[in-house]
């Protein structure tokens, strides 16, 4: 008669868990990279301009 669908929720839950783990690993990698950039004295090319643009957008009320 086919496979029962009771595993559907488990599969979705497991995929969500894996995605969350990958997201956390990516955040850790980015934080580690930015920390290394700060220590080396070579700022990321997008860090300062992006921040100033964001502040300008907030001030203008366009964000």
N, C-alpha and C. Protein backbone atom coordinates (compact mmCIF):
# COMPACT_ATOMS: atom_id res chain seq x y z
N UNK A 1 0.80 -1.19 0.00
CA UNK A 1 0.00 0.00 0.00
C UNK A 1 0.85 1.26 0.00
N UNK A 2 2.15 1.15 0.01
CA UNK A 2 3.00 2.33 -0.01
C UNK A 2 3.56 2.63 1.37
N UNK A 3 4.38 3.61 1.41
CA UNK A 3 5.00 4.00 2.67
C UNK A 3 4.09 4.91 3.47
N UNK A 4 4.06 4.72 4.78
CA UNK A 4 3.26 5.62 5.61
C UNK A 4 3.90 7.01 5.66
N UNK A 5 3.10 8.02 5.92
CA UNK A 5 3.56 9.40 5.91
C UNK A 5 3.98 9.89 7.31
N UNK A 6 4.09 9.00 8.28
CA UNK A 6 4.41 9.45 9.63
C UNK A 6 5.85 9.94 9.75
N UNK A 7 6.71 9.69 8.77
CA UNK A 7 8.08 10.18 8.81
C UNK A 7 8.21 11.60 8.24
N UNK A 8 7.14 12.11 7.66
CA UNK A 8 7.22 13.42 7.02
C UNK A 8 7.65 14.51 8.00
N UNK A 9 7.06 14.54 9.15
CA UNK A 9 7.42 15.54 10.16
C UNK A 9 8.85 15.37 10.65
N UNK A 10 9.29 14.15 10.78
CA UNK A 10 10.65 13.89 11.24
C UNK A 10 11.66 14.36 10.20
N UNK A 11 11.36 14.12 8.95
CA UNK A 11 12.28 14.53 7.88
C UNK A 11 12.38 16.06 7.83
N UNK A 12 11.27 16.73 7.92
CA UNK A 12 11.28 18.19 7.88
C UNK A 12 12.03 18.75 9.09
N UNK A 13 11.84 18.14 10.24
CA UNK A 13 12.51 18.59 11.46
C UNK A 13 14.03 18.40 11.33
N UNK A 14 14.43 17.27 10.77
CA UNK A 14 15.86 16.98 10.59
C UNK A 14 16.49 17.95 9.59
N UNK A 15 15.79 18.25 8.51
CA UNK A 15 16.31 19.21 7.53
C UNK A 15 16.44 20.60 8.14
N UNK A 16 15.47 21.00 8.95
CA UNK A 16 15.54 22.30 9.61
C UNK A 16 16.72 22.35 10.57
N UNK A 17 16.97 21.25 11.27
CA UNK A 17 18.09 21.17 12.20
C UNK A 17 19.42 21.29 11.45
N UNK A 18 19.53 20.61 10.33
CA UNK A 18 20.75 20.68 9.53
C UNK A 18 20.96 22.08 8.98
N UNK A 19 19.90 22.72 8.52
CA UNK A 19 20.00 24.07 7.99
C UNK A 19 20.46 25.04 9.07
N UNK A 20 19.91 24.88 10.27
CA UNK A 20 20.30 25.74 11.38
C UNK A 20 21.78 25.56 11.71
N UNK A 21 22.27 24.32 11.69
CA UNK A 21 23.68 24.05 11.95
C UNK A 21 24.56 24.71 10.89
N UNK A 22 24.14 24.63 9.63
CA UNK A 22 24.92 25.24 8.55
C UNK A 22 24.93 26.76 8.69
N UNK A 23 23.80 27.35 9.07
CA UNK A 23 23.72 28.79 9.26
C UNK A 23 24.65 29.24 10.39
N UNK A 24 24.66 28.49 11.48
CA UNK A 24 25.51 28.84 12.60
C UNK A 24 26.98 28.72 12.23
N UNK A 25 27.33 27.68 11.46
CA UNK A 25 28.71 27.51 11.02
C UNK A 25 29.13 28.66 10.12
N UNK A 26 28.25 29.11 9.26
CA UNK A 26 28.54 30.24 8.37
C UNK A 26 28.75 31.53 9.17
N UNK A 27 27.91 31.75 10.19
CA UNK A 27 28.06 32.94 11.04
C UNK A 27 29.39 32.90 11.78
N UNK A 28 29.77 31.71 12.28
CA UNK A 28 31.06 31.58 12.97
C UNK A 28 32.21 31.87 12.03
N UNK A 29 32.12 31.39 10.79
CA UNK A 29 33.17 31.60 9.81
C UNK A 29 33.31 33.08 9.48
N UNK A 30 32.20 33.76 9.31
CA UNK A 30 32.22 35.19 9.00
C UNK A 30 32.80 35.99 10.17
N UNK A 31 32.38 35.64 11.39
CA UNK A 31 32.89 36.33 12.57
C UNK A 31 34.39 36.12 12.71
N UNK A 32 34.85 34.92 12.47
CA UNK A 32 36.27 34.61 12.57
C UNK A 32 37.05 35.39 11.51
N UNK A 33 36.52 35.47 10.31
CA UNK A 33 37.17 36.19 9.23
C UNK A 33 37.23 37.69 9.53
N UNK A 34 36.13 38.25 10.01
CA UNK A 34 36.13 39.68 10.31
C UNK A 34 37.06 39.99 11.48
N UNK A 35 37.13 39.09 12.44
CA UNK A 35 38.04 39.28 13.57
C UNK A 35 39.49 39.26 13.08
N UNK A 36 39.80 38.39 12.14
CA UNK A 36 41.14 38.34 11.57
C UNK A 36 41.44 39.61 10.79
N UNK A 37 40.45 40.16 10.10
CA UNK A 37 40.64 41.40 9.35
C UNK A 37 40.91 42.57 10.29
N UNK A 38 40.24 42.59 11.42
CA UNK A 38 40.45 43.66 12.40
C UNK A 38 41.86 43.57 12.98
N UNK A 39 42.30 42.37 13.32
CA UNK A 39 43.62 42.18 13.89
C UNK A 39 44.72 42.54 12.90
N UNK A 40 44.53 42.20 11.64
CA UNK A 40 45.57 42.45 10.65
C UNK A 40 45.62 43.90 10.20
N UNK A 41 44.58 44.67 10.52
CA UNK A 41 44.57 46.07 10.16
C UNK A 41 44.10 46.32 8.73
N UNK A 42 43.64 45.28 8.06
CA UNK A 42 43.11 45.44 6.70
C UNK A 42 41.59 45.32 6.78
N UNK A 43 40.90 46.45 6.81
CA UNK A 43 39.45 46.38 6.92
C UNK A 43 38.82 45.76 5.68
N UNK A 44 37.73 45.10 5.89
CA UNK A 44 36.97 44.53 4.79
C UNK A 44 36.48 45.66 3.91
N UNK A 45 36.54 45.49 2.61
CA UNK A 45 36.19 46.58 1.70
C UNK A 45 34.74 47.04 1.84
N UNK A 46 33.86 46.17 2.35
CA UNK A 46 32.46 46.52 2.47
C UNK A 46 32.05 46.97 3.87
N UNK A 47 32.92 46.80 4.85
CA UNK A 47 32.50 47.03 6.23
C UNK A 47 32.22 48.50 6.52
N UNK A 48 33.13 49.39 6.25
CA UNK A 48 32.96 50.79 6.59
C UNK A 48 31.95 51.48 5.68
N UNK A 49 32.06 51.36 4.35
CA UNK A 49 31.07 52.04 3.49
C UNK A 49 29.66 51.51 3.70
N UNK A 50 29.52 50.23 3.92
CA UNK A 50 28.18 49.67 4.12
C UNK A 50 27.56 50.24 5.39
N UNK A 51 28.36 50.37 6.43
CA UNK A 51 27.85 50.91 7.69
C UNK A 51 27.45 52.37 7.51
N UNK A 52 28.29 53.15 6.84
CA UNK A 52 27.96 54.56 6.68
C UNK A 52 26.75 54.73 5.77
N UNK A 53 26.61 53.87 4.76
CA UNK A 53 25.43 53.94 3.90
C UNK A 53 24.17 53.58 4.67
N UNK A 54 24.27 52.62 5.54
CA UNK A 54 23.13 52.18 6.34
C UNK A 54 22.70 53.30 7.27
N UNK A 55 23.66 53.97 7.90
CA UNK A 55 23.34 55.07 8.80
C UNK A 55 22.68 56.20 8.01
N UNK A 56 23.19 56.47 6.81
CA UNK A 56 22.62 57.52 5.97
C UNK A 56 21.17 57.16 5.58
N UNK A 57 20.94 55.87 5.25
CA UNK A 57 19.59 55.45 4.88
C UNK A 57 18.63 55.60 6.06
N UNK A 58 19.10 55.28 7.24
CA UNK A 58 18.25 55.40 8.42
C UNK A 58 17.94 56.87 8.67
N UNK A 59 18.93 57.71 8.52
CA UNK A 59 18.73 59.14 8.73
C UNK A 59 17.74 59.71 7.70
N UNK A 60 17.81 59.21 6.47
CA UNK A 60 16.90 59.67 5.42
C UNK A 60 15.51 59.07 5.56
N UNK A 61 15.41 58.00 6.30
CA UNK A 61 14.15 57.31 6.47
C UNK A 61 13.82 56.39 5.32
N UNK A 62 14.84 55.96 4.55
CA UNK A 62 14.61 55.08 3.41
C UNK A 62 14.85 53.62 3.75
N UNK A 63 15.34 53.32 4.94
CA UNK A 63 15.63 51.94 5.30
C UNK A 63 14.42 51.26 5.89
